[in-house]
């Protein structure tokens, strides 16, 4: 009986020893130059994100150890890891030591991330003391926000589930119900299902639009001897087209737009001359405008977005009539700066814009000439 028991114990110990052995399995490594090498990788199970990789080029070759800075990616039997520099949340985990800060306490680290989903929007996992999840879109890797913290006023434990708001901004998420998005937990299983369901539509980097708008212009003119002329709330109109280029590194959030257009302004006012007779000042302009806008896009869902424009451009008069204080002037080209806020739904875009500049006469000695414009434009994008 004792011999049988000893035999069973010996077999169990042997099996445990064999199962505990770390073996080399087929895999690959990619170096910093992008060269992929098929090899045998020592498989540790990868519960935690690795800090190094041990591999062999063949069964009989020597082991090679590569650290995070030395390779850009590796994989073994369906588990793929990729190197990224990311913000890692280092907030305390212990219930007795929770931070009162609602926001994650980030530390920048270069680490291996496990690839859970690879696509237009990729999902990665980093596991050290706890699992942390990241998404990558347009070449930018961003942490998905999830943090437990202690409310300073009540002392209760709260959770910042910012990742639910982050995923709502993904292009292509509009077809997923709000109730479903609200129930997504911060787990690999739930996040992976979501990322597999989100399929952004393929888009070109350049989009075109035609636009037209109108508004009011205020004109300020000061000549020698502090003679002032001020036109307030005079109508203006413009029309043109736009070519918008999306930068490849900003997940279609940052773009540059070239907006050539024609702008017409008409102003007129009367004044009394020194002899008592009535005379007129008037400004009529047809400008060729060649502005460039840097645009930030905030996606609400797959069909709509908010945007902000910062604009600078040149205005060149192609037709003009500057007649001020009984004298004709010849205007020159001038720079104009502007800021705009707008909203786009599908192909229709609306924008409210404020611009200042256009000192057409400022090249003359002792003269100031400024024109402010508040305008509203509509565009059709295609």
Protein backbone atom coordinates (compact mmCIF):
# COMPACT_ATOMS: atom_id res chain seq x y z
CA UNK A 1 0.00 0.00 0.00
CA UNK A 2 2.82 2.34 0.94
CA UNK A 3 4.61 1.54 -2.31
CA UNK A 4 1.48 2.40 -4.32
CA UNK A 5 1.02 5.67 -2.43
CA UNK A 6 4.64 6.61 -3.00
CA UNK A 7 4.28 5.82 -6.69
CA UNK A 8 1.18 8.05 -7.02
CA UNK A 9 2.89 10.93 -5.18
CA UNK A 10 5.95 10.54 -7.40
CA UNK A 11 3.82 10.65 -10.55
CA UNK A 12 1.96 13.77 -9.34
CA UNK A 13 5.22 15.52 -8.49
CA UNK A 14 6.61 14.63 -11.91
CA UNK A 15 3.52 15.92 -13.68
CA UNK A 16 3.63 19.13 -11.65
CA UNK A 17 7.26 19.61 -12.49
CA UNK A 18 6.64 19.09 -16.19
CA UNK A 19 3.62 21.41 -16.26
CA UNK A 20 5.55 24.09 -14.38
CA UNK A 21 8.40 24.06 -16.88
CA UNK A 22 8.73 27.10 -19.09
CA UNK A 23 9.07 25.94 -22.68
CA UNK A 24 10.06 27.60 -25.94
CA UNK A 25 7.24 28.04 -28.43
CA UNK A 26 7.15 29.30 -32.03
CA UNK A 27 6.92 33.08 -32.25
CA UNK A 28 8.54 36.19 -33.70
CA UNK A 29 10.35 39.37 -32.70
CA UNK A 30 10.50 42.68 -34.57
CA UNK A 31 13.56 44.87 -34.06
CA UNK A 32 13.73 48.67 -34.03
CA UNK A 33 14.30 48.75 -37.79
CA UNK A 34 11.07 46.83 -38.42
CA UNK A 35 12.77 43.55 -39.35
CA UNK A 36 10.72 40.51 -38.31
CA UNK A 37 12.54 37.35 -37.23
CA UNK A 38 10.81 34.01 -36.76
CA UNK A 39 12.15 32.31 -33.63
CA UNK A 40 11.37 30.27 -30.52
CA UNK A 41 10.22 32.32 -27.53
CA UNK A 42 10.30 31.28 -23.90
CA UNK A 43 6.61 31.33 -22.94
CA UNK A 44 5.99 32.49 -19.37
CA UNK A 45 2.20 32.59 -19.73
CA UNK A 46 2.19 36.39 -19.93
CA UNK A 47 -0.21 37.09 -17.06
CA UNK A 48 1.73 40.29 -16.40
CA UNK A 49 3.08 42.55 -19.11
CA UNK A 50 6.65 41.42 -19.81
CA UNK A 51 9.71 43.57 -19.32
CA UNK A 52 11.97 41.34 -21.37
CA UNK A 53 11.78 38.53 -23.94
CA UNK A 54 13.97 35.41 -24.06
CA UNK A 55 14.19 33.72 -27.45
CA UNK A 56 16.29 31.37 -29.58
CA UNK A 57 16.78 31.36 -33.32
CA UNK A 58 16.66 27.53 -33.34
CA UNK A 59 16.38 24.62 -30.92
CA UNK A 60 20.14 24.32 -30.62
CA UNK A 61 21.10 27.99 -30.57
CA UNK A 62 21.90 30.10 -27.50
CA UNK A 63 19.24 32.07 -25.66
CA UNK A 64 18.95 35.78 -26.45
CA UNK A 65 17.43 38.25 -23.99
CA UNK A 66 15.84 41.42 -25.38
CA UNK A 67 14.52 44.24 -23.18
CA UNK A 68 11.83 46.79 -23.99
CA UNK A 69 14.16 49.32 -25.70
CA UNK A 70 15.68 46.63 -27.94
CA UNK A 71 12.62 45.31 -29.83
CA UNK A 72 9.43 46.99 -31.02
CA UNK A 73 7.12 43.96 -30.91
CA UNK A 74 6.94 40.20 -30.40
CA UNK A 75 4.38 37.41 -30.42
CA UNK A 76 3.99 33.80 -29.40
CA UNK A 77 1.05 31.45 -30.14
CA UNK A 78 -1.57 34.15 -30.73
CA UNK A 79 -0.40 36.53 -27.98
CA UNK A 80 1.02 39.68 -29.58
CA UNK A 81 2.78 42.50 -27.75
CA UNK A 82 3.76 45.92 -29.06
CA UNK A 83 6.01 48.58 -27.56
CA UNK A 84 4.51 51.98 -26.84
CA UNK A 85 5.31 55.04 -24.73
CA UNK A 86 2.13 55.61 -22.72
CA UNK A 87 0.76 57.32 -19.63
CA UNK A 88 0.40 54.66 -16.92
CA UNK A 89 -1.92 55.38 -13.99
CA UNK A 90 0.07 54.89 -10.77
CA UNK A 91 -2.76 55.76 -8.35
CA UNK A 92 -2.83 53.69 -5.10
CA UNK A 93 -4.99 50.56 -5.21
CA UNK A 94 -5.42 49.80 -1.51
CA UNK A 95 -8.84 50.74 -0.14
CA UNK A 96 -7.13 52.22 2.92
CA UNK A 97 -4.85 54.35 0.78
CA UNK A 98 -7.08 55.55 -2.08
CA UNK A 99 -6.34 58.94 -3.58
CA UNK A 100 -8.82 61.80 -3.17
CA UNK A 101 -7.88 62.95 -6.67
CA UNK A 102 -10.59 62.00 -9.17
CA UNK A 103 -8.21 62.07 -12.12
CA UNK A 104 -5.59 59.38 -12.86
CA UNK A 105 -2.06 60.05 -11.64
CA UNK A 106 -0.05 59.40 -14.77
CA UNK A 107 3.57 58.44 -15.22
CA UNK A 108 5.04 58.18 -18.71
CA UNK A 109 6.58 54.76 -19.37
CA UNK A 110 7.78 52.75 -22.36
CA UNK A 111 6.25 49.28 -22.02
CA UNK A 112 5.01 46.24 -23.90
CA UNK A 113 1.23 46.31 -24.41
CA UNK A 114 -0.76 43.20 -25.21
CA UNK A 115 -2.75 43.57 -28.43
CA UNK A 116 -6.37 42.65 -27.75
CA UNK A 117 -7.78 44.09 -30.97
CA UNK A 118 -5.98 45.42 -34.03
CA UNK A 119 -7.91 47.68 -36.40
CA UNK A 120 -8.72 51.31 -37.25
CA UNK A 121 -9.17 51.68 -33.49
CA UNK A 122 -6.93 49.22 -31.63
CA UNK A 123 -7.28 48.00 -28.04
CA UNK A 124 -4.25 47.26 -25.84
CA UNK A 125 -3.79 45.94 -22.31
CA UNK A 126 -1.05 46.66 -19.79
CA UNK A 127 -1.06 44.46 -16.68
CA UNK A 128 1.17 45.26 -13.74
CA UNK A 129 -0.64 45.48 -10.40
CA UNK A 130 -3.96 45.69 -12.25
CA UNK A 131 -5.13 45.70 -15.86
CA UNK A 132 -5.03 49.05 -17.66
CA UNK A 133 -6.50 49.50 -21.13
CA UNK A 134 -5.48 51.81 -23.97
CA UNK A 135 -6.88 52.61 -27.38
CA UNK A 136 -4.90 53.67 -30.44
CA UNK A 137 -6.38 55.70 -33.27
CA UNK A 138 -4.49 57.59 -35.95
CA UNK A 139 -1.13 56.63 -34.44
CA UNK A 140 -1.91 58.06 -30.98
CA UNK A 141 -2.15 55.74 -27.96
CA UNK A 142 -4.47 57.01 -25.22
CA UNK A 143 -5.32 55.50 -21.80
CA UNK A 144 -8.96 54.58 -21.18
CA UNK A 145 -9.81 56.33 -17.92
CA UNK A 146 -10.93 54.22 -14.96
CA UNK A 147 -10.05 55.07 -11.37
CA UNK A 148 -11.33 54.39 -7.87
CA UNK A 149 -10.93 57.31 -5.48
CA UNK A 150 -12.21 58.48 -2.13
CA UNK A 151 -14.60 61.39 -2.00
CA UNK A 152 -13.04 63.98 0.28
CA UNK A 153 -16.36 65.31 1.60
CA UNK A 154 -18.21 62.07 2.35
CA UNK A 155 -15.34 59.61 2.62
CA UNK A 156 -17.14 57.16 0.32
CA UNK A 157 -15.42 55.30 -2.54
CA UNK A 158 -16.29 56.56 -6.01
CA UNK A 159 -15.32 55.54 -9.53
CA UNK A 160 -14.26 57.75 -12.41
CA UNK A 161 -15.55 55.83 -15.45
CA UNK A 162 -14.30 58.30 -18.04
CA UNK A 163 -13.68 55.50 -20.55
CA UNK A 164 -17.43 55.40 -21.29
CA UNK A 165 -17.35 59.00 -22.52
CA UNK A 166 -14.15 58.36 -24.47
CA UNK A 167 -15.61 55.50 -26.50
CA UNK A 168 -18.65 57.64 -27.41
CA UNK A 169 -16.34 59.88 -29.48
CA UNK A 170 -15.06 57.04 -31.66
CA UNK A 171 -16.05 57.43 -35.32
CA UNK A 172 -18.49 54.64 -36.14
CA UNK A 173 -19.93 54.28 -32.64
CA UNK A 174 -23.18 56.05 -33.55
CA UNK A 175 -24.95 52.76 -34.38
CA UNK A 176 -24.41 51.43 -30.84
CA UNK A 177 -27.21 52.24 -28.39
CA UNK A 178 -26.59 54.60 -25.46
CA UNK A 179 -27.91 52.00 -23.02
CA UNK A 180 -25.36 49.48 -24.24
CA UNK A 181 -22.51 51.98 -23.98
CA UNK A 182 -23.57 52.81 -20.42
CA UNK A 183 -23.21 49.18 -19.30
CA UNK A 184 -19.72 48.49 -20.68
CA UNK A 185 -17.48 47.39 -17.82
CA UNK A 186 -13.75 48.06 -17.59
CA UNK A 187 -12.79 44.50 -18.51
CA UNK A 188 -11.03 42.94 -21.46
CA UNK A 189 -14.16 40.96 -22.37
CA UNK A 190 -16.55 43.94 -22.56
CA UNK A 191 -14.07 46.31 -24.19
CA UNK A 192 -13.06 43.74 -26.78
CA UNK A 193 -16.69 43.18 -27.80
CA UNK A 194 -17.14 46.93 -28.21
CA UNK A 195 -13.96 47.41 -30.27
CA UNK A 196 -14.89 44.53 -32.55
CA UNK A 197 -18.29 46.15 -33.13
CA UNK A 198 -16.95 49.64 -33.86
CA UNK A 199 -16.07 49.81 -37.55
CA UNK A 200 -15.25 53.35 -38.69
CA UNK A 201 -16.01 54.05 -42.30
CA UNK A 202 -13.00 54.49 -44.53
CA UNK A 203 -12.43 58.16 -45.26
CA UNK A 204 -10.13 60.07 -47.54
CA UNK A 205 -7.60 62.45 -46.03
CA UNK A 206 -8.88 65.34 -48.19
CA UNK A 207 -12.48 66.56 -48.24
CA UNK A 208 -14.03 69.34 -50.32
CA UNK A 209 -16.75 71.88 -49.56
CA UNK A 210 -18.46 74.89 -51.10
CA UNK A 211 -19.63 77.67 -48.81
CA UNK A 212 -21.33 81.03 -48.76
CA UNK A 213 -22.00 83.46 -45.94
CA UNK A 214 -22.76 86.97 -44.86
CA UNK A 215 -22.47 89.26 -41.90
CA UNK A 216 -21.74 92.76 -40.74
CA UNK A 217 -18.51 94.75 -40.93
CA UNK A 218 -17.27 97.64 -38.78
CA UNK A 219 -14.76 100.01 -40.37
CA UNK A 220 -12.42 102.29 -38.44
CA UNK A 221 -10.29 104.90 -40.18
CA UNK A 222 -8.02 107.48 -38.57
CA UNK A 223 -6.07 109.93 -40.72
CA UNK A 224 -3.74 112.81 -39.89
CA UNK A 225 -4.74 115.28 -37.23
CA UNK A 226 -6.92 112.60 -35.54
CA UNK A 227 -9.72 112.76 -38.07
CA UNK A 228 -11.82 109.65 -37.48
CA UNK A 229 -14.31 107.83 -39.69
CA UNK A 230 -16.28 104.92 -38.27
CA UNK A 231 -18.77 102.74 -40.14
CA UNK A 232 -20.79 100.40 -37.96
CA UNK A 233 -22.75 97.26 -38.88
CA UNK A 234 -22.51 97.42 -42.65
CA UNK A 235 -23.44 94.31 -44.65
CA UNK A 236 -20.89 92.02 -46.30
CA UNK A 237 -21.09 88.74 -48.20
CA UNK A 238 -18.69 86.08 -49.42
CA UNK A 239 -18.59 82.74 -51.21
CA UNK A 240 -15.93 80.20 -52.08
CA UNK A 241 -14.75 76.62 -51.78
CA UNK A 242 -12.61 74.66 -49.33
CA UNK A 243 -10.13 71.81 -49.41
CA UNK A 244 -9.68 70.20 -45.98
CA UNK A 245 -6.70 67.93 -45.24
CA UNK A 246 -6.74 65.65 -42.17
CA UNK A 247 -3.40 65.14 -40.48
CA UNK A 248 -2.55 61.41 -40.23
CA UNK A 249 -1.33 61.60 -36.63
CA UNK A 250 -4.39 63.09 -34.91
CA UNK A 251 -7.20 60.55 -35.47
CA UNK A 252 -9.02 62.98 -37.83
CA UNK A 253 -9.34 65.50 -35.03
CA UNK A 254 -6.84 67.99 -36.47
CA UNK A 255 -7.02 69.31 -40.01
CA UNK A 256 -5.93 72.20 -42.21
CA UNK A 257 -8.34 73.90 -44.62
CA UNK A 258 -7.56 76.12 -47.61
CA UNK A 259 -10.50 78.45 -48.27
CA UNK A 260 -10.17 80.70 -51.37
CA UNK A 261 -13.20 82.98 -51.66
CA UNK A 262 -14.56 86.31 -52.90
CA UNK A 263 -15.73 88.86 -50.35
CA UNK A 264 -17.84 91.97 -51.01
CA UNK A 265 -18.22 94.89 -48.58
CA UNK A 266 -20.20 98.10 -49.18
CA UNK A 267 -20.13 101.05 -46.74
CA UNK A 268 -21.36 104.63 -47.07
CA UNK A 269 -21.90 107.60 -44.76
CA UNK A 270 -22.49 111.34 -45.14
CA UNK A 271 -20.72 114.23 -43.46
CA UNK A 272 -20.86 118.03 -43.55
CA UNK A 273 -17.96 119.85 -45.18
CA UNK A 274 -16.45 123.03 -43.77
CA UNK A 275 -18.62 125.14 -46.14
CA UNK A 276 -21.81 123.51 -44.96
CA UNK A 277 -22.35 121.29 -48.01
CA UNK A 278 -22.95 117.54 -47.68
CA UNK A 279 -20.39 115.02 -48.85
CA UNK A 280 -20.04 111.25 -48.65
CA UNK A 281 -17.44 108.76 -47.51
CA UNK A 282 -17.73 105.30 -48.99
CA UNK A 283 -15.81 102.06 -49.16
CA UNK A 284 -16.64 99.43 -51.75
CA UNK A 285 -14.46 96.34 -51.87
CA UNK A 286 -14.35 93.08 -53.75
CA UNK A 287 -11.55 91.06 -52.16
CA UNK A 288 -9.91 87.85 -53.24
CA UNK A 289 -9.34 86.05 -49.93
CA UNK A 290 -6.83 83.23 -49.52
CA UNK A 291 -7.04 82.12 -45.86
CA UNK A 292 -5.72 78.94 -44.24
CA UNK A 293 -7.55 77.48 -41.22
CA UNK A 294 -6.26 75.06 -38.60
CA UNK A 295 -9.31 73.12 -37.42
CA UNK A 296 -9.92 71.00 -34.33
CA UNK A 297 -12.79 68.51 -34.70
CA UNK A 298 -14.68 67.06 -31.74
CA UNK A 299 -16.76 64.07 -32.90
CA UNK A 300 -20.13 63.66 -31.18
CA UNK A 301 -20.94 60.51 -33.15
CA UNK A 302 -20.47 59.14 -36.65
CA UNK A 303 -22.67 61.82 -38.24
CA UNK A 304 -21.98 65.03 -36.34
CA UNK A 305 -19.14 67.01 -34.86
CA UNK A 306 -18.23 70.34 -33.34
CA UNK A 307 -15.20 72.23 -34.60
CA UNK A 308 -13.10 75.32 -33.89
CA UNK A 309 -11.08 77.24 -36.49
CA UNK A 310 -8.01 79.44 -36.13
CA UNK A 311 -7.56 81.33 -39.41
CA UNK A 312 -5.01 83.63 -41.01
CA UNK A 313 -5.01 84.79 -44.61
CA UNK A 314 -4.38 87.44 -47.21
CA UNK A 315 -7.00 89.73 -48.78
CA UNK A 316 -6.21 91.28 -52.16
CA UNK A 317 -8.61 93.92 -53.59
CA UNK A 318 -9.66 93.08 -57.15
CA UNK A 319 -12.18 95.94 -57.24
CA UNK A 320 -12.25 98.88 -54.88
CA UNK A 321 -13.53 102.38 -54.25
CA UNK A 322 -11.99 104.08 -51.22
CA UNK A 323 -13.27 107.66 -51.04
CA UNK A 324 -12.66 109.23 -47.65
CA UNK A 325 -12.77 112.94 -46.75
CA UNK A 326 -13.02 113.96 -50.41
CA UNK A 327 -10.02 111.90 -51.45
CA UNK A 328 -9.54 108.64 -53.33
CA UNK A 329 -7.22 105.97 -51.92
CA UNK A 330 -5.68 102.91 -53.49
CA UNK A 331 -5.89 99.93 -51.08
CA UNK A 332 -3.26 97.20 -50.94
CA UNK A 333 -3.33 93.56 -49.88
CA UNK A 334 -3.60 92.97 -46.14
CA UNK A 335 -3.55 90.15 -43.61
CA UNK A 336 -6.60 89.09 -41.63
CA UNK A 337 -6.90 86.82 -38.60
CA UNK A 338 -10.10 85.07 -37.53
CA UNK A 339 -11.59 82.59 -35.08
CA UNK A 340 -14.64 80.44 -35.76
CA UNK A 341 -16.89 77.94 -33.99
CA UNK A 342 -19.22 75.60 -35.81
CA UNK A 343 -21.19 72.39 -36.11
CA UNK A 344 -21.40 69.83 -38.89
CA UNK A 345 -24.13 67.25 -39.44
CA UNK A 346 -23.49 64.84 -42.31
CA UNK A 347 -22.85 67.08 -45.36
CA UNK A 348 -24.11 70.38 -43.91
CA UNK A 349 -21.86 72.69 -41.91
CA UNK A 350 -22.59 75.98 -40.12
CA UNK A 351 -20.03 78.35 -38.63
CA UNK A 352 -20.03 81.63 -36.70
CA UNK A 353 -16.82 83.57 -37.35
CA UNK A 354 -15.18 86.72 -36.02
CA UNK A 355 -12.27 88.32 -37.89
CA UNK A 356 -10.13 91.41 -37.51
CA UNK A 357 -7.51 93.09 -39.65
CA UNK A 358 -7.58 94.12 -43.30
CA UNK A 359 -5.54 97.30 -42.88
CA UNK A 360 -5.71 98.18 -46.56
CA UNK A 361 -4.49 101.74 -45.98
CA UNK A 362 -2.16 101.23 -43.04
CA UNK A 363 0.89 101.54 -45.30
CA UNK A 364 0.21 105.29 -45.50
CA UNK A 365 1.99 107.55 -42.95
CA UNK A 366 0.05 108.48 -39.81
CA UNK A 367 -2.94 106.36 -40.76
CA UNK A 368 -4.86 103.57 -39.10
CA UNK A 369 -7.35 101.39 -40.97
CA UNK A 370 -9.02 98.36 -39.33
CA UNK A 371 -12.06 96.36 -40.39
CA UNK A 372 -13.83 93.88 -38.05
CA UNK A 373 -16.27 91.34 -39.48
CA UNK A 374 -18.79 89.08 -37.73
CA UNK A 375 -20.21 86.54 -40.16
CA UNK A 376 -22.20 83.35 -40.44
CA UNK A 377 -21.61 80.83 -43.20
CA UNK A 378 -23.17 77.64 -44.46
CA UNK A 379 -21.31 74.96 -46.37
CA UNK A 380 -22.05 71.78 -48.26
CA UNK A 381 -19.31 69.19 -47.76
CA UNK A 382 -18.64 66.32 -50.11
